[in-house]
Amino acid sequence: MKLNLKRPIIFFDLETTGTDTSNDRIVEISMVKVAPDGEKTIKTRRINPEMPIPAEATAVHHITDEDVKDCPTFKQIAKSLKAFMEGCDFGGFNSNRFDLPVLVEEFLRAGVDVDFRKRRYIDVQNIFHKKEERTLIAAYRFYCNKDLEAAHSAEADTLATYEVLLGQLERYEDLQNDVDFLSEYSTRNRTADFAGRIGYDDKEQEIFTFGKYKGRVVAEIFEKDPSYYDWMMNGDFPQYTKKIITEIKLRSKKF
C-alpha cells in the first residue's frame, strides 16, 4: 500500500514539557516526510525548551534537562524547520488537537511566520477512534500486528502512526486513498484556529465556540463589544488564536 499523494506529507510527533498547548514547549520533534513516489525522509531533533522539564513529563518520554541542555532552541532551528515543511501536508496521532497547536505556538514565539491554513491534516487518531476507539499502542497491534517498541519515543510513535494509516487504508474500503478525503474525514470539527476557540457557521462566518458569545459571529461581536477583543488579547489564549481574531478585526475595518 502506498499513499496517493499530490504533494509531500509530513507525519510528525512531539515530546513536550507538558500538555498545555499555549505555554508548554517542545523537547523533541520527529518527522517522516513521505514524497508522492513513496520515498521517506526521517528527521528527529531534540530541542532545548528553555524551561525545566517537569518530572511528570520526563516519566512519559524519558527526556531530562541534562539530555537537552546543549541542544538548539526552537528559535535556532525554526527557519530550517519551516523550509523542510514548505509545501507539505501533515499527519499525526492526536495532532489536530495537540501537536499542531503546540508547533504553531513555537513558530509564533520564534517570530517565524508559517501559514498552515492551506495545508491538509490527517489525524490518524480520529480515524482510529471513529473505527475502533483504541490507543496508538493498540492501533499498531490491531492494524500492523506488531508491538510498539519504545512507545512515547517521538520517532517510534511517528513511524508507527504512518504505518497505522497505511493499515487503515488496507482494512477499510470506504477510506479513500486521498489526502483531501482523509483530512476531512479525520477532522472532528472545522475551526479557524487550532485551539478550537473560533469555528464556522453554515454561512462560513467565523463564530465563537465558547463563552458568553458562543455561536455568535466574531466580527459582529467585536463591532458591538470592542472590549471583548481586548479581553481575549490580554487573556491566556494561544498566540495563534490571537492572530486569527486580529485578522478578523482588521478585515472588518473596525480596528
Protein backbone atom coordinates (compact mmCIF):
# COMPACT_ATOMS: atom_id res chain seq x y z
CA MET A 1 0.00 0.00 0.00
CA LYS A 2 1.25 3.46 -0.95
CA LEU A 3 -0.39 6.76 -0.06
CA ASN A 4 -1.91 8.55 -3.04
CA LEU A 5 -0.19 11.93 -2.73
CA LYS A 6 -0.28 15.07 -4.82
CA ARG A 7 2.42 16.69 -2.67
CA PRO A 8 4.63 15.52 0.21
CA ILE A 9 3.10 14.80 3.60
CA ILE A 10 4.92 15.00 6.93
CA PHE A 11 3.94 12.65 9.72
CA PHE A 12 5.23 14.10 12.96
CA ASP A 13 5.17 13.69 16.72
CA LEU A 14 6.24 15.96 19.55
CA GLU A 15 7.53 15.28 23.03
CA THR A 16 6.92 18.30 25.23
CA THR A 17 7.24 19.76 28.72
CA GLY A 18 3.52 19.21 29.32
CA THR A 19 0.04 19.25 27.82
CA ASP A 20 -0.70 22.99 27.77
CA THR A 21 -0.77 23.85 24.06
CA SER A 22 -0.33 27.56 24.81
CA ASN A 23 2.60 27.51 27.20
CA ASP A 24 4.43 24.17 27.14
CA ARG A 25 7.45 23.69 24.88
CA ILE A 26 8.83 21.08 22.53
CA VAL A 27 11.74 18.92 23.74
CA GLU A 28 11.81 16.56 20.75
CA ILE A 29 10.32 16.57 17.27
CA SER A 30 10.40 13.69 14.85
CA MET A 31 9.21 13.93 11.25
CA VAL A 32 8.75 11.44 8.47
CA LYS A 33 8.38 13.24 5.13
CA VAL A 34 6.75 10.97 2.57
CA ALA A 35 7.13 12.04 -1.07
CA PRO A 36 4.49 11.29 -3.75
CA ASP A 37 6.74 8.47 -5.04
CA GLY A 38 6.79 6.90 -1.55
CA GLU A 39 10.35 7.92 -0.63
CA LYS A 40 10.70 8.66 3.11
CA THR A 41 12.98 11.20 4.80
CA ILE A 42 13.25 10.94 8.60
CA LYS A 43 14.44 13.79 10.80
CA THR A 44 14.49 13.77 14.61
CA ARG A 45 15.76 16.65 16.73
CA ARG A 46 15.90 17.25 20.45
CA ILE A 47 15.29 20.84 21.47
CA ASN A 48 16.21 22.90 24.50
CA PRO A 49 12.81 24.15 25.73
CA GLU A 50 14.38 27.00 27.71
CA MET A 51 12.43 25.88 30.76
CA PRO A 52 12.73 22.99 33.22
CA ILE A 53 11.17 19.70 32.10
CA PRO A 54 8.75 18.59 34.83
CA ALA A 55 9.31 15.16 36.33
CA GLU A 56 5.82 14.12 35.18
CA ALA A 57 6.77 14.80 31.55
CA THR A 58 10.12 13.04 31.88
CA ALA A 59 8.31 10.00 33.28
CA VAL A 60 6.43 9.75 29.95
CA HIS A 61 9.13 10.46 27.34
CA HIS A 62 12.29 9.88 29.46
CA ILE A 63 13.93 13.13 28.32
CA THR A 64 15.62 15.13 31.06
CA ASP A 65 17.02 18.65 31.40
CA GLU A 66 20.50 17.16 31.12
CA ASP A 67 19.60 15.49 27.81
CA VAL A 68 18.67 18.78 26.14
CA LYS A 69 20.90 21.35 27.85
CA ASP A 70 23.26 21.55 24.84
CA CYS A 71 20.56 21.18 22.17
CA PRO A 72 19.43 24.10 19.99
CA THR A 73 16.39 26.13 20.97
CA PHE A 74 13.34 26.09 18.75
CA LYS A 75 14.11 29.62 17.61
CA GLN A 76 17.51 28.47 16.37
CA ILE A 77 16.02 25.76 14.13
CA ALA A 78 12.71 27.44 13.24
CA LYS A 79 13.75 28.70 9.79
CA SER A 80 15.26 25.39 8.69
CA LEU A 81 12.20 23.58 10.04
CA LYS A 82 9.93 25.89 8.06
CA ALA A 83 11.95 25.16 4.91
CA PHE A 84 11.66 21.38 5.48
CA MET A 85 7.87 21.70 5.91
CA GLU A 86 7.32 24.00 2.94
CA GLY A 87 4.57 22.77 0.62
CA CYS A 88 3.73 19.72 2.73
CA ASP A 89 0.52 18.37 4.24
CA PHE A 90 0.61 16.89 7.76
CA GLY A 91 -0.32 13.70 9.53
CA GLY A 92 -0.13 12.63 13.15
CA PHE A 93 -1.82 10.88 16.06
CA ASN A 94 -3.95 13.37 18.04
CA SER A 95 -2.06 16.00 16.05
CA ASN A 96 -5.02 18.27 15.29
CA ARG A 97 -5.75 18.82 18.97
CA PHE A 98 -2.21 18.81 20.37
CA ASP A 99 0.87 18.62 18.15
CA LEU A 100 -0.17 21.19 15.53
CA PRO A 101 -1.30 23.82 18.08
CA VAL A 102 1.96 23.41 20.02
CA LEU A 103 4.05 23.63 16.84
CA VAL A 104 2.26 26.78 15.67
CA GLU A 105 2.79 28.45 19.05
CA GLU A 106 6.52 27.67 18.89
CA PHE A 107 6.80 29.25 15.42
CA LEU A 108 4.97 32.36 16.64
CA ARG A 109 7.24 32.67 19.68
CA ALA A 110 10.26 32.34 17.38
CA GLY A 111 8.95 35.15 15.15
CA VAL A 112 8.78 32.86 12.09
CA ASP A 113 5.57 33.28 10.09
CA VAL A 114 4.26 29.91 8.91
CA ASP A 115 0.77 29.81 7.39
CA PHE A 116 -0.66 26.31 7.78
CA ARG A 117 -4.18 27.18 6.65
CA LYS A 118 -3.76 25.92 3.09
CA ARG A 119 -2.39 22.56 4.24
CA ARG A 120 -4.31 19.32 4.77
CA TYR A 121 -4.20 17.50 8.11
CA ILE A 122 -4.76 13.79 8.64
CA ASP A 123 -5.32 12.89 12.29
CA VAL A 124 -4.88 9.14 12.40
CA GLN A 125 -6.26 9.02 15.96
CA ASN A 126 -9.58 10.45 14.80
CA ILE A 127 -9.84 7.82 12.07
CA PHE A 128 -8.97 5.15 14.63
CA HIS A 129 -11.50 6.43 17.18
CA LYS A 130 -14.24 6.54 14.55
CA LYS A 131 -13.44 2.94 13.64
CA GLU A 132 -12.14 1.20 16.76
CA GLU A 133 -11.81 3.54 19.82
CA ARG A 134 -8.26 2.48 20.89
CA THR A 135 -4.82 3.95 21.74
CA LEU A 136 -1.77 4.19 19.43
CA ILE A 137 -0.20 1.10 21.01
CA ALA A 138 -3.41 -0.87 20.46
CA ALA A 139 -3.83 0.64 16.99
CA TYR A 140 -0.34 -0.50 16.00
CA ARG A 141 -1.06 -4.01 17.24
CA PHE A 142 -4.53 -4.06 15.62
CA TYR A 143 -3.63 -2.71 12.16
CA CYS A 144 0.02 -3.77 11.84
CA ASN A 145 0.08 -6.91 14.02
CA LYS A 146 3.17 -5.61 15.81
CA ASP A 147 4.04 -4.47 19.31
CA LEU A 148 5.13 -0.85 19.53
CA GLU A 149 8.62 -0.85 20.98
CA ALA A 150 9.87 2.37 22.62
CA ALA A 151 6.39 3.89 22.87
CA HIS A 152 6.49 7.63 23.65
CA SER A 153 9.71 7.99 21.72
CA ALA A 154 8.88 10.63 19.13
CA GLU A 155 10.46 8.70 16.25
CA ALA A 156 8.86 5.36 17.17
CA ASP A 157 5.43 6.99 17.57
CA THR A 158 5.80 8.88 14.28
CA LEU A 159 6.77 5.82 12.24
CA ALA A 160 4.00 3.80 13.90
CA THR A 161 1.44 6.49 13.03
CA TYR A 162 2.43 6.36 9.36
CA GLU A 163 2.19 2.55 9.32
CA VAL A 164 -1.19 2.65 11.10
CA LEU A 165 -2.64 4.93 8.41
CA LEU A 166 -1.47 2.54 5.70
CA GLY A 167 -3.06 -0.29 7.68
CA GLN A 168 -6.33 1.65 7.97
CA LEU A 169 -6.41 2.19 4.20
CA GLU A 170 -5.90 -1.53 3.67
CA ARG A 171 -8.64 -2.50 6.14
CA TYR A 172 -11.46 -0.07 5.38
CA GLU A 173 -12.80 0.03 1.83
CA ASP A 174 -14.72 3.27 2.49
CA LEU A 175 -11.48 5.17 3.25
CA GLN A 176 -10.24 6.83 0.08
CA ASN A 177 -6.50 6.91 -0.54
CA ASP A 178 -6.65 10.66 -0.97
CA VAL A 179 -5.22 13.33 1.33
CA ASP A 180 -8.18 15.72 0.90
CA PHE A 181 -10.64 12.96 1.84
CA LEU A 182 -8.54 11.71 4.78
CA SER A 183 -8.03 15.25 6.06
CA GLU A 184 -11.78 15.93 6.06
CA TYR A 185 -12.61 12.50 7.49
CA SER A 186 -10.14 12.82 10.37
CA THR A 187 -11.17 16.35 11.35
CA ARG A 188 -13.76 16.37 14.12
CA ASN A 189 -14.90 19.95 13.72
CA ARG A 190 -13.55 22.54 11.30
CA THR A 191 -12.14 25.54 13.13
CA ALA A 192 -10.36 28.76 12.22
CA ASP A 193 -7.75 28.28 14.95
CA PHE A 194 -6.07 25.11 16.16
CA ALA A 195 -7.30 25.57 19.74
CA GLY A 196 -10.90 25.38 18.53
CA ARG A 197 -11.98 28.70 20.02
CA ILE A 198 -13.14 30.06 16.67
CA GLY A 199 -15.37 27.92 14.44
CA TYR A 200 -17.57 28.48 11.41
CA ASP A 201 -21.33 28.72 10.93
CA ASP A 202 -23.26 27.44 7.92
CA LYS A 203 -22.52 30.71 6.11
CA GLU A 204 -18.76 30.21 6.56
CA GLN A 205 -18.58 33.09 9.02
CA GLU A 206 -16.20 32.82 11.99
CA ILE A 207 -18.08 32.28 15.25
CA PHE A 208 -17.10 31.88 18.89
CA THR A 209 -17.24 28.30 20.19
CA PHE A 210 -17.03 29.25 23.88
CA GLY A 211 -18.12 31.77 26.48
CA LYS A 212 -20.99 34.21 26.65
CA TYR A 213 -20.89 34.82 22.89
CA LYS A 214 -20.81 31.15 21.90
CA GLY A 215 -22.33 30.72 18.44
CA ARG A 216 -22.17 34.45 17.68
CA VAL A 217 -20.30 35.93 14.70
CA VAL A 218 -16.86 37.16 15.81
CA ALA A 219 -16.78 40.27 13.59
CA GLU A 220 -20.20 41.38 14.80
CA ILE A 221 -19.26 40.95 18.46
CA PHE A 222 -16.04 42.93 18.03
CA GLU A 223 -18.09 45.73 16.50
CA LYS A 224 -20.73 45.72 19.24
CA ASP A 225 -18.41 44.93 22.16
CA PRO A 226 -14.82 46.03 21.31
CA SER A 227 -13.71 45.27 24.87
CA TYR A 228 -14.15 41.55 24.19
CA TYR A 229 -11.32 41.66 21.66
CA ASP A 230 -9.11 43.42 24.23
CA TRP A 231 -10.06 40.84 26.85
CA MET A 232 -9.03 37.99 24.56
CA MET A 233 -5.77 39.66 23.55
CA ASN A 234 -4.83 40.15 27.20
CA GLY A 235 -6.07 36.70 28.24
CA ASP A 236 -4.41 33.31 28.38
CA PHE A 237 -5.30 32.34 24.81
CA PRO A 238 -2.87 30.76 22.31
CA GLN A 239 -0.91 33.22 20.19
CA TYR A 240 -2.37 31.67 17.05
CA THR A 241 -5.92 32.30 18.28
CA LYS A 242 -4.96 35.92 18.93
CA LYS A 243 -3.53 36.14 15.42
CA ILE A 244 -6.79 34.86 13.91
CA ILE A 245 -9.06 37.23 15.85
CA THR A 246 -6.78 40.14 14.94
CA GLU A 247 -7.10 39.22 11.26
CA ILE A 248 -10.89 39.14 11.65
CA LYS A 249 -10.92 42.53 13.36
CA LEU A 250 -8.67 44.08 10.73
CA ARG A 251 -10.79 42.58 7.96
CA SER A 252 -13.92 44.20 9.38
CA LYS A 253 -12.16 47.60 9.19
CA LYS A 254 -13.31 48.42 12.69
CA PHE A 255 -9.85 48.23 14.24
